[in-house]
N, C-alpha and C. Protein backbone atom coordinates (compact mmCIF):
# COMPACT_ATOMS: atom_id res chain seq x y z
N UNK A 1 75.00 120.52 21.00
CA UNK A 1 75.52 119.79 19.87
C UNK A 1 77.02 119.66 19.97
N UNK A 2 77.42 118.21 19.67
CA UNK A 2 78.84 118.06 19.74
C UNK A 2 79.50 118.10 18.46
N UNK A 3 80.78 118.52 18.34
CA UNK A 3 81.39 118.54 17.14
C UNK A 3 82.15 117.18 16.83
N UNK A 4 82.34 116.77 15.71
CA UNK A 4 83.08 115.64 15.42
C UNK A 4 84.34 115.90 14.68
N UNK A 5 85.43 115.14 14.95
CA UNK A 5 86.64 115.31 14.20
C UNK A 5 86.76 114.59 13.08
N UNK A 6 87.54 115.13 12.15
CA UNK A 6 87.66 114.35 10.85
C UNK A 6 88.57 113.13 11.20
N UNK A 7 88.40 112.21 10.40
CA UNK A 7 89.08 110.79 10.56
C UNK A 7 90.44 111.09 10.37
N UNK A 8 91.35 110.63 11.23
CA UNK A 8 92.81 110.78 11.04
C UNK A 8 93.35 111.96 11.77
N UNK A 9 92.48 112.82 12.36
CA UNK A 9 93.08 113.97 12.98
C UNK A 9 93.44 113.58 14.38
N UNK A 10 94.38 114.32 14.90
CA UNK A 10 94.86 114.02 16.36
C UNK A 10 93.72 114.16 17.36
N UNK A 11 93.64 113.31 18.29
CA UNK A 11 92.61 113.54 19.31
C UNK A 11 93.19 114.18 20.56
N UNK A 12 94.38 114.42 20.63
CA UNK A 12 95.18 115.08 21.76
C UNK A 12 95.20 116.49 21.66
N UNK A 13 94.99 117.32 22.60
CA UNK A 13 95.39 118.64 22.53
C UNK A 13 96.82 118.92 22.84
N UNK A 14 97.29 120.09 22.52
CA UNK A 14 98.66 120.36 22.68
C UNK A 14 99.19 120.20 24.15
N UNK A 15 98.48 120.45 25.11
CA UNK A 15 98.72 120.42 26.55
C UNK A 15 98.81 119.08 27.13
N UNK A 16 98.26 118.01 26.40
CA UNK A 16 97.94 116.71 27.06
C UNK A 16 99.45 116.07 27.39
N UNK A 17 99.45 115.31 28.44
CA UNK A 17 100.60 114.53 28.77
C UNK A 17 100.75 113.31 27.83
N UNK A 18 101.85 113.02 27.30
CA UNK A 18 101.98 111.97 26.47
C UNK A 18 103.16 110.88 27.18
N UNK A 19 102.82 109.77 27.00
CA UNK A 19 103.73 108.70 27.45
C UNK A 19 104.71 108.33 26.31
N UNK A 20 106.05 108.70 26.65
CA UNK A 20 106.91 108.37 25.49
C UNK A 20 107.42 106.97 25.52
N UNK A 21 107.37 106.35 24.40
CA UNK A 21 107.83 104.87 24.28
C UNK A 21 109.05 105.00 23.37
N UNK A 22 109.92 104.01 23.60
CA UNK A 22 111.27 103.93 22.81
C UNK A 22 112.00 105.20 23.06
N UNK A 23 111.92 105.81 24.17
CA UNK A 23 112.76 107.00 24.44
C UNK A 23 113.62 106.72 25.56
N UNK A 24 114.96 106.58 25.23
CA UNK A 24 116.00 106.20 26.18
C UNK A 24 116.09 107.26 27.34
N UNK A 25 115.91 108.52 27.12
CA UNK A 25 115.91 109.51 28.16
C UNK A 25 115.01 109.31 29.20
N UNK A 26 113.67 109.12 28.75
CA UNK A 26 112.54 108.67 29.75
C UNK A 26 112.82 107.46 30.52
N UNK A 27 113.32 106.39 29.82
CA UNK A 27 113.59 105.19 30.47
C UNK A 27 114.77 105.29 31.43
N UNK A 28 115.78 106.03 31.12
CA UNK A 28 116.83 106.28 31.99
C UNK A 28 116.43 107.07 33.23
N UNK A 29 115.54 107.95 33.10
CA UNK A 29 114.96 108.56 34.32
C UNK A 29 114.29 107.56 35.21
N UNK A 30 113.47 106.80 34.51
CA UNK A 30 112.70 105.75 35.36
C UNK A 30 113.66 104.84 36.13
N UNK A 31 114.60 104.19 35.35
CA UNK A 31 115.49 103.30 35.98
C UNK A 31 116.39 103.86 37.05
N UNK A 32 116.82 105.18 36.79
CA UNK A 32 117.64 105.81 37.78
C UNK A 32 116.93 106.08 39.08
N UNK A 33 115.62 106.20 39.07
CA UNK A 33 114.84 106.32 40.17
C UNK A 33 114.48 105.06 40.80
N UNK A 34 114.00 104.19 40.08
CA UNK A 34 113.34 102.81 40.48
C UNK A 34 114.49 101.90 41.06
N UNK A 35 115.60 101.82 40.31
CA UNK A 35 116.73 100.91 40.72
C UNK A 35 117.15 101.12 42.22
N UNK A 36 117.60 102.41 42.55
CA UNK A 36 118.02 102.62 43.87
C UNK A 36 116.98 102.52 44.88
N UNK A 37 115.76 102.93 44.48
CA UNK A 37 114.56 102.88 45.41
C UNK A 37 114.35 101.34 45.79
N UNK A 38 114.30 100.53 44.89
CA UNK A 38 113.95 99.08 45.03
C UNK A 38 115.22 98.44 45.90
N UNK A 39 116.38 98.95 45.66
CA UNK A 39 117.60 98.33 46.35
C UNK A 39 117.48 98.87 47.85
N UNK A 40 117.12 100.02 47.97
CA UNK A 40 116.95 100.47 49.50
C UNK A 40 115.77 99.72 50.22
N UNK A 41 114.66 99.42 49.39
CA UNK A 41 113.53 98.75 49.94
C UNK A 41 114.06 97.27 50.33
N UNK A 42 114.90 96.84 49.52
CA UNK A 42 115.36 95.33 49.86
C UNK A 42 116.18 95.35 51.17
N UNK A 43 117.02 96.34 51.32
CA UNK A 43 117.96 96.57 52.45
C UNK A 43 116.96 96.67 53.66
N UNK A 44 116.03 97.55 53.64
CA UNK A 44 115.16 97.84 54.86
C UNK A 44 114.32 96.58 55.08
N UNK A 45 113.78 95.96 54.09
CA UNK A 45 113.03 94.90 54.34
C UNK A 45 113.73 93.67 54.98
N UNK A 46 115.01 93.44 54.64
CA UNK A 46 115.89 92.42 55.14
C UNK A 46 116.24 92.78 56.53
N UNK A 47 116.53 94.02 56.91
CA UNK A 47 116.70 94.51 58.18
C UNK A 47 115.38 94.40 59.09
N UNK A 48 114.29 94.65 58.54
CA UNK A 48 112.95 94.52 59.36
C UNK A 48 112.80 92.97 59.54
N UNK A 49 113.18 92.16 58.59
CA UNK A 49 112.99 90.67 58.74
C UNK A 49 113.85 90.05 59.79
N UNK A 50 115.09 90.50 60.04
CA UNK A 50 115.86 89.93 60.94
C UNK A 50 115.69 90.47 62.43
N UNK A 51 115.00 91.55 62.50
CA UNK A 51 114.63 92.07 63.93
C UNK A 51 113.30 91.65 64.33
N UNK A 52 113.07 91.31 65.65
CA UNK A 52 111.82 90.76 66.11
C UNK A 52 110.85 92.06 65.98
N UNK A 53 109.54 91.58 65.58
CA UNK A 53 108.91 90.46 65.43
C UNK A 53 109.13 89.73 64.05
N UNK A 54 109.93 90.31 63.18
CA UNK A 54 110.16 89.74 61.74
C UNK A 54 108.97 90.46 60.86
N UNK A 55 108.89 89.64 59.69
CA UNK A 55 107.89 90.10 58.68
C UNK A 55 107.19 88.94 58.34
N UNK A 56 105.95 89.16 57.57
CA UNK A 56 105.12 88.02 57.15
C UNK A 56 105.85 87.28 55.94
N UNK A 57 105.46 86.15 55.78
CA UNK A 57 106.13 85.28 54.80
C UNK A 57 105.93 85.83 53.37
N UNK A 58 104.92 86.47 53.09
CA UNK A 58 104.77 87.14 51.85
C UNK A 58 105.92 88.11 51.50
N UNK A 59 106.39 88.73 52.35
CA UNK A 59 107.35 89.62 52.20
C UNK A 59 108.69 89.22 51.56
N UNK A 60 108.85 87.90 51.93
CA UNK A 60 110.06 87.24 51.26
C UNK A 60 109.86 87.13 49.80
N UNK A 61 108.54 86.88 49.34
CA UNK A 61 108.35 86.80 47.89
C UNK A 61 108.75 88.25 47.27
N UNK A 62 108.39 89.26 47.84
CA UNK A 62 108.74 90.70 47.48
C UNK A 62 110.29 90.84 47.49
N UNK A 63 111.03 90.30 48.40
CA UNK A 63 112.38 90.35 48.33
C UNK A 63 112.98 89.62 47.12
N UNK A 64 112.45 88.39 46.93
CA UNK A 64 112.86 87.47 45.85
C UNK A 64 112.61 88.23 44.48
N UNK A 65 111.40 88.80 44.40
CA UNK A 65 111.18 89.55 43.02
C UNK A 65 112.06 90.66 43.01
N UNK A 66 112.31 91.45 43.97
CA UNK A 66 113.21 92.62 44.02
C UNK A 66 114.63 92.17 43.57
N UNK A 67 115.08 91.06 44.13
CA UNK A 67 116.37 90.59 43.73
C UNK A 67 116.53 90.24 42.21
N UNK A 68 115.37 89.63 41.86
CA UNK A 68 115.38 89.54 40.35
C UNK A 68 115.40 90.74 39.57
N UNK A 69 114.64 91.68 40.04
CA UNK A 69 114.53 92.98 39.19
C UNK A 69 115.68 93.81 39.14
N UNK A 70 116.53 93.67 40.14
CA UNK A 70 117.66 94.56 40.24
C UNK A 70 118.69 94.36 39.09
N UNK A 71 119.04 92.99 38.80
CA UNK A 71 119.91 92.71 37.64
C UNK A 71 119.26 93.17 36.27
N UNK A 72 117.88 92.98 36.30
CA UNK A 72 117.35 93.44 35.05
C UNK A 72 117.31 94.91 34.80
N UNK A 73 117.32 95.65 35.90
CA UNK A 73 117.61 97.03 35.62
C UNK A 73 118.98 97.39 35.07
N UNK A 74 119.97 96.73 35.66
CA UNK A 74 121.33 97.00 35.18
C UNK A 74 121.50 96.43 33.90
N UNK A 75 121.02 95.33 33.48
CA UNK A 75 121.08 94.82 32.14
C UNK A 75 120.40 95.82 31.21
N UNK A 76 119.33 96.24 31.34
CA UNK A 76 118.51 97.18 30.49
C UNK A 76 119.30 98.42 30.31
N UNK A 77 119.85 99.01 31.55
CA UNK A 77 120.62 100.21 31.54
C UNK A 77 121.82 100.07 30.55
N UNK A 78 122.54 98.88 30.73
CA UNK A 78 123.76 98.78 29.97
C UNK A 78 123.35 98.53 28.47
N UNK A 79 122.34 97.74 28.08
CA UNK A 79 121.87 97.65 26.78
C UNK A 79 121.60 98.86 26.00
N UNK A 80 120.66 99.70 26.77
CA UNK A 80 120.21 100.74 26.13
C UNK A 80 121.25 101.95 26.11
N UNK A 81 122.17 101.98 27.02
CA UNK A 81 123.30 102.90 26.86
C UNK A 81 124.18 102.69 25.70
N UNK A 82 124.45 101.49 25.53
CA UNK A 82 125.26 101.01 24.39
C UNK A 82 124.41 101.32 23.08
N UNK A 83 123.17 101.10 22.97
CA UNK A 83 122.47 101.47 21.86
C UNK A 83 122.42 102.85 21.58
N UNK A 84 122.25 103.62 22.56
CA UNK A 84 122.21 105.10 22.43
C UNK A 84 123.55 105.80 21.97
N UNK A 85 124.67 105.09 22.55
CA UNK A 85 125.90 105.65 22.11
C UNK A 85 126.26 105.25 20.63
N UNK A 86 125.97 104.15 20.17
CA UNK A 86 126.04 103.69 18.86
C UNK A 86 125.22 104.54 17.89
N UNK A 87 123.96 105.07 18.28
CA UNK A 87 123.19 105.96 17.50
C UNK A 87 123.73 107.32 17.24
N UNK A 88 124.67 107.62 18.09
CA UNK A 88 125.26 109.03 17.91
C UNK A 88 126.21 108.96 16.82
């Protein structure tokens, strides 16, 4: 027999992992890891592209998307840092 929880009761147990939203500390950790990682991937991809035999054409789309992503990371970091300092 299965037990039913009352309406409105939490469905997560105390030990469940929870994805935090609107949390600058969590976002800061993600951006601090993903920004440099993508920057290094762009450098290595461009180095691989200029050495024979080169890279497939689809890789240049990856480079383009990465170059767009990196300023967005910097913008988000700056905006959220400002917001967090004003909240103190």
